[in-house]
Amino acid sequence: MANKRDLKKDINYVFGDIIEAAYLHQIANPEQNKTQTEEIVDEAIEGFDQLIEKVNQRNLENPKDHFRSVRKELEERAQDLVEKVNAL
């Protein structure tokens, strides 16, 4: 398992790329309603905050399982957000 710092970087990069893709779509399609992309960005920011909070938890009984579940949740949220961006 990678260390906590690498997991934080992964979370940052994944959500950053999703936000960037949403804004690029918004710039490329200025005639479309911006509320959908703004909702995706807001959801990405909220997901980022929640996952970072989980990574920063202390006094865990089983840190390996905890970080494994955080990584799985990251993948699920990212997949959901990417599908939303692609549906725009």
N, C-alpha and C. Protein backbone atom coordinates (compact mmCIF):
# COMPACT_ATOMS: atom_id res chain seq x y z
N MET A 1 0.85 -1.18 0.00
CA MET A 1 0.00 0.00 0.00
C MET A 1 0.89 1.23 0.00
N ALA A 2 0.52 2.17 -0.81
CA ALA A 2 1.24 3.43 -0.86
C ALA A 2 1.00 4.19 0.44
N ASN A 3 1.83 5.19 0.66
CA ASN A 3 1.67 5.93 1.90
C ASN A 3 0.56 6.97 1.81
N LYS A 4 0.30 7.60 2.92
CA LYS A 4 -0.79 8.57 3.03
C LYS A 4 -0.58 9.75 2.08
N ARG A 5 0.65 10.17 1.93
CA ARG A 5 0.94 11.31 1.06
C ARG A 5 0.56 11.00 -0.39
N ASP A 6 0.88 9.78 -0.84
CA ASP A 6 0.54 9.40 -2.21
C ASP A 6 -0.96 9.32 -2.42
N LEU A 7 -1.68 8.85 -1.42
CA LEU A 7 -3.14 8.79 -1.52
C LEU A 7 -3.73 10.19 -1.61
N LYS A 8 -3.20 11.12 -0.83
CA LYS A 8 -3.67 12.50 -0.90
C LYS A 8 -3.39 13.10 -2.28
N LYS A 9 -2.23 12.81 -2.84
CA LYS A 9 -1.90 13.29 -4.18
C LYS A 9 -2.85 12.72 -5.21
N ASP A 10 -3.14 11.43 -5.10
CA ASP A 10 -4.08 10.80 -6.03
C ASP A 10 -5.45 11.46 -5.96
N ILE A 11 -5.92 11.71 -4.76
CA ILE A 11 -7.23 12.36 -4.58
C ILE A 11 -7.20 13.73 -5.24
N ASN A 12 -6.15 14.48 -5.01
CA ASN A 12 -6.01 15.82 -5.57
C ASN A 12 -5.98 15.78 -7.09
N TYR A 13 -5.19 14.89 -7.67
CA TYR A 13 -5.07 14.81 -9.12
C TYR A 13 -6.38 14.37 -9.77
N VAL A 14 -7.02 13.37 -9.21
CA VAL A 14 -8.24 12.85 -9.81
C VAL A 14 -9.34 13.90 -9.82
N PHE A 15 -9.59 14.51 -8.68
CA PHE A 15 -10.65 15.52 -8.63
C PHE A 15 -10.25 16.77 -9.41
N GLY A 16 -8.98 17.10 -9.42
CA GLY A 16 -8.51 18.25 -10.21
C GLY A 16 -8.74 18.03 -11.69
N ASP A 17 -8.47 16.82 -12.17
CA ASP A 17 -8.68 16.52 -13.59
C ASP A 17 -10.17 16.56 -13.95
N ILE A 18 -11.00 16.09 -13.05
CA ILE A 18 -12.45 16.11 -13.31
C ILE A 18 -12.96 17.55 -13.37
N ILE A 19 -12.50 18.38 -12.45
CA ILE A 19 -12.90 19.79 -12.46
C ILE A 19 -12.41 20.47 -13.73
N GLU A 20 -11.19 20.17 -14.11
CA GLU A 20 -10.63 20.75 -15.34
C GLU A 20 -11.45 20.33 -16.56
N ALA A 21 -11.83 19.07 -16.63
CA ALA A 21 -12.62 18.59 -17.76
C ALA A 21 -13.98 19.28 -17.81
N ALA A 22 -14.58 19.50 -16.64
CA ALA A 22 -15.88 20.18 -16.60
C ALA A 22 -15.75 21.62 -17.09
N TYR A 23 -14.71 22.31 -16.65
CA TYR A 23 -14.53 23.69 -17.09
C TYR A 23 -14.16 23.77 -18.57
N LEU A 24 -13.38 22.81 -19.06
CA LEU A 24 -13.05 22.80 -20.49
C LEU A 24 -14.31 22.60 -21.33
N HIS A 25 -15.19 21.76 -20.86
CA HIS A 25 -16.47 21.57 -21.56
C HIS A 25 -17.27 22.86 -21.54
N GLN A 26 -17.26 23.52 -20.41
CA GLN A 26 -18.01 24.78 -20.28
C GLN A 26 -17.45 25.84 -21.23
N ILE A 27 -16.14 25.89 -21.37
CA ILE A 27 -15.51 26.87 -22.26
C ILE A 27 -15.76 26.51 -23.72
N ALA A 28 -15.70 25.22 -24.03
CA ALA A 28 -15.90 24.78 -25.41
C ALA A 28 -17.35 24.91 -25.86
N ASN A 29 -18.28 24.92 -24.93
CA ASN A 29 -19.70 25.00 -25.25
C ASN A 29 -20.35 26.14 -24.47
N PRO A 30 -20.04 27.39 -24.82
CA PRO A 30 -20.56 28.51 -24.04
C PRO A 30 -22.07 28.69 -24.15
N GLU A 31 -22.67 28.10 -25.18
CA GLU A 31 -24.11 28.27 -25.34
C GLU A 31 -24.92 27.36 -24.42
N GLN A 32 -24.30 26.33 -23.86
CA GLN A 32 -25.01 25.43 -22.97
C GLN A 32 -25.17 26.05 -21.58
N ASN A 33 -26.12 25.53 -20.86
CA ASN A 33 -26.39 26.00 -19.51
C ASN A 33 -25.21 25.62 -18.59
N LYS A 34 -24.72 26.56 -17.83
CA LYS A 34 -23.54 26.34 -17.00
C LYS A 34 -23.86 25.66 -15.67
N THR A 35 -25.12 25.53 -15.32
CA THR A 35 -25.45 24.99 -14.01
C THR A 35 -25.04 23.52 -13.88
N GLN A 36 -25.11 22.76 -14.97
CA GLN A 36 -24.72 21.35 -14.90
C GLN A 36 -23.24 21.20 -14.59
N THR A 37 -22.41 21.98 -15.27
CA THR A 37 -20.97 21.88 -15.00
C THR A 37 -20.64 22.39 -13.61
N GLU A 38 -21.34 23.43 -13.17
CA GLU A 38 -21.10 23.94 -11.82
C GLU A 38 -21.49 22.92 -10.76
N GLU A 39 -22.55 22.17 -11.01
CA GLU A 39 -22.95 21.11 -10.07
C GLU A 39 -21.91 20.01 -10.00
N ILE A 40 -21.34 19.65 -11.15
CA ILE A 40 -20.29 18.63 -11.17
C ILE A 40 -19.06 19.12 -10.41
N VAL A 41 -18.69 20.37 -10.61
CA VAL A 41 -17.54 20.95 -9.90
C VAL A 41 -17.80 20.97 -8.41
N ASP A 42 -18.99 21.38 -8.01
CA ASP A 42 -19.33 21.41 -6.59
C ASP A 42 -19.28 20.01 -5.98
N GLU A 43 -19.79 19.03 -6.71
CA GLU A 43 -19.76 17.66 -6.23
C GLU A 43 -18.33 17.14 -6.11
N ALA A 44 -17.47 17.53 -7.05
CA ALA A 44 -16.07 17.11 -7.00
C ALA A 44 -15.37 17.74 -5.79
N ILE A 45 -15.63 18.99 -5.53
CA ILE A 45 -15.02 19.67 -4.39
C ILE A 45 -15.49 19.04 -3.08
N GLU A 46 -16.77 18.75 -3.01
CA GLU A 46 -17.33 18.11 -1.81
C GLU A 46 -16.71 16.73 -1.60
N GLY A 47 -16.58 15.96 -2.67
CA GLY A 47 -15.97 14.64 -2.58
C GLY A 47 -14.52 14.72 -2.16
N PHE A 48 -13.79 15.70 -2.69
CA PHE A 48 -12.40 15.91 -2.30
C PHE A 48 -12.29 16.17 -0.81
N ASP A 49 -13.12 17.08 -0.32
CA ASP A 49 -13.08 17.43 1.10
C ASP A 49 -13.38 16.22 1.98
N GLN A 50 -14.37 15.44 1.60
CA GLN A 50 -14.76 14.28 2.40
C GLN A 50 -13.65 13.22 2.42
N LEU A 51 -13.04 12.97 1.27
CA LEU A 51 -12.01 11.94 1.23
C LEU A 51 -10.74 12.38 1.96
N ILE A 52 -10.37 13.63 1.83
CA ILE A 52 -9.20 14.13 2.56
C ILE A 52 -9.45 14.04 4.07
N GLU A 53 -10.67 14.33 4.48
CA GLU A 53 -11.01 14.21 5.90
C GLU A 53 -10.85 12.77 6.37
N LYS A 54 -11.28 11.83 5.55
CA LYS A 54 -11.14 10.41 5.91
C LYS A 54 -9.67 9.99 5.96
N VAL A 55 -8.87 10.49 5.05
CA VAL A 55 -7.45 10.15 5.05
C VAL A 55 -6.76 10.69 6.29
N ASN A 56 -7.18 11.85 6.76
CA ASN A 56 -6.55 12.49 7.91
C ASN A 56 -7.03 11.98 9.26
N GLN A 57 -7.92 11.00 9.28
CA GLN A 57 -8.40 10.45 10.55
C GLN A 57 -7.23 9.82 11.30
N ARG A 58 -7.27 9.92 12.59
CA ARG A 58 -6.22 9.36 13.45
C ARG A 58 -6.79 8.22 14.28
N ASN A 59 -5.90 7.48 14.90
CA ASN A 59 -6.27 6.39 15.82
C ASN A 59 -7.19 5.36 15.16
N LEU A 60 -6.75 4.85 14.02
CA LEU A 60 -7.53 3.84 13.31
C LEU A 60 -7.17 2.46 13.82
N GLU A 61 -8.15 1.58 13.89
CA GLU A 61 -7.89 0.22 14.32
C GLU A 61 -7.09 -0.54 13.27
N ASN A 62 -7.52 -0.41 12.02
CA ASN A 62 -6.84 -1.10 10.93
C ASN A 62 -6.61 -0.11 9.79
N PRO A 63 -5.47 0.60 9.82
CA PRO A 63 -5.23 1.64 8.82
C PRO A 63 -5.20 1.10 7.38
N LYS A 64 -4.67 -0.09 7.20
CA LYS A 64 -4.56 -0.65 5.85
C LYS A 64 -5.94 -0.81 5.22
N ASP A 65 -6.88 -1.36 5.95
CA ASP A 65 -8.25 -1.53 5.44
C ASP A 65 -8.93 -0.18 5.24
N HIS A 66 -8.66 0.75 6.14
CA HIS A 66 -9.26 2.08 6.03
C HIS A 66 -8.81 2.77 4.75
N PHE A 67 -7.52 2.76 4.48
CA PHE A 67 -7.01 3.43 3.29
C PHE A 67 -7.43 2.69 2.02
N ARG A 68 -7.57 1.40 2.11
CA ARG A 68 -8.07 0.63 0.97
C ARG A 68 -9.51 1.03 0.65
N SER A 69 -10.32 1.23 1.68
CA SER A 69 -11.71 1.65 1.45
C SER A 69 -11.77 3.08 0.91
N VAL A 70 -10.87 3.95 1.36
CA VAL A 70 -10.82 5.32 0.85
C VAL A 70 -10.46 5.31 -0.63
N ARG A 71 -9.49 4.49 -1.00
CA ARG A 71 -9.08 4.39 -2.40
C ARG A 71 -10.24 3.86 -3.26
N LYS A 72 -10.96 2.88 -2.75
CA LYS A 72 -12.11 2.34 -3.48
C LYS A 72 -13.19 3.40 -3.64
N GLU A 73 -13.45 4.15 -2.59
CA GLU A 73 -14.45 5.21 -2.67
C GLU A 73 -14.02 6.29 -3.67
N LEU A 74 -12.73 6.58 -3.72
CA LEU A 74 -12.21 7.53 -4.70
C LEU A 74 -12.50 7.06 -6.11
N GLU A 75 -12.24 5.80 -6.38
CA GLU A 75 -12.49 5.25 -7.71
C GLU A 75 -13.97 5.32 -8.07
N GLU A 76 -14.85 4.99 -7.12
CA GLU A 76 -16.28 5.02 -7.39
C GLU A 76 -16.78 6.43 -7.66
N ARG A 77 -16.35 7.37 -6.83
CA ARG A 77 -16.79 8.76 -7.02
C ARG A 77 -16.25 9.32 -8.33
N ALA A 78 -15.00 9.02 -8.63
CA ALA A 78 -14.40 9.52 -9.86
C ALA A 78 -15.13 8.95 -11.08
N GLN A 79 -15.45 7.68 -11.05
CA GLN A 79 -16.17 7.07 -12.15
C GLN A 79 -17.52 7.73 -12.35
N ASP A 80 -18.21 7.99 -11.26
CA ASP A 80 -19.52 8.64 -11.33
C ASP A 80 -19.41 10.04 -11.93
N LEU A 81 -18.43 10.80 -11.48
CA LEU A 81 -18.26 12.17 -11.98
C LEU A 81 -17.82 12.19 -13.44
N VAL A 82 -16.97 11.27 -13.83
CA VAL A 82 -16.53 11.20 -15.23
C VAL A 82 -17.72 10.88 -16.13
N GLU A 83 -18.59 9.99 -15.69
CA GLU A 83 -19.79 9.69 -16.46
C GLU A 83 -20.67 10.92 -16.61
N LYS A 84 -20.77 11.71 -15.56
CA LYS A 84 -21.57 12.94 -15.63
C LYS A 84 -20.95 13.94 -16.60
N VAL A 85 -19.62 14.07 -16.58
CA VAL A 85 -18.95 14.99 -17.50
C VAL A 85 -19.14 14.52 -18.94
N ASN A 86 -19.01 13.23 -19.16
CA ASN A 86 -19.17 12.69 -20.51
C ASN A 86 -20.60 12.83 -21.01
N ALA A 87 -21.56 12.87 -20.12
CA ALA A 87 -22.96 13.00 -20.53
C ALA A 87 -23.35 14.42 -20.91
N LEU A 88 -22.48 15.38 -20.61
CA LEU A 88 -22.81 16.78 -20.92
C LEU A 88 -22.94 17.01 -22.41
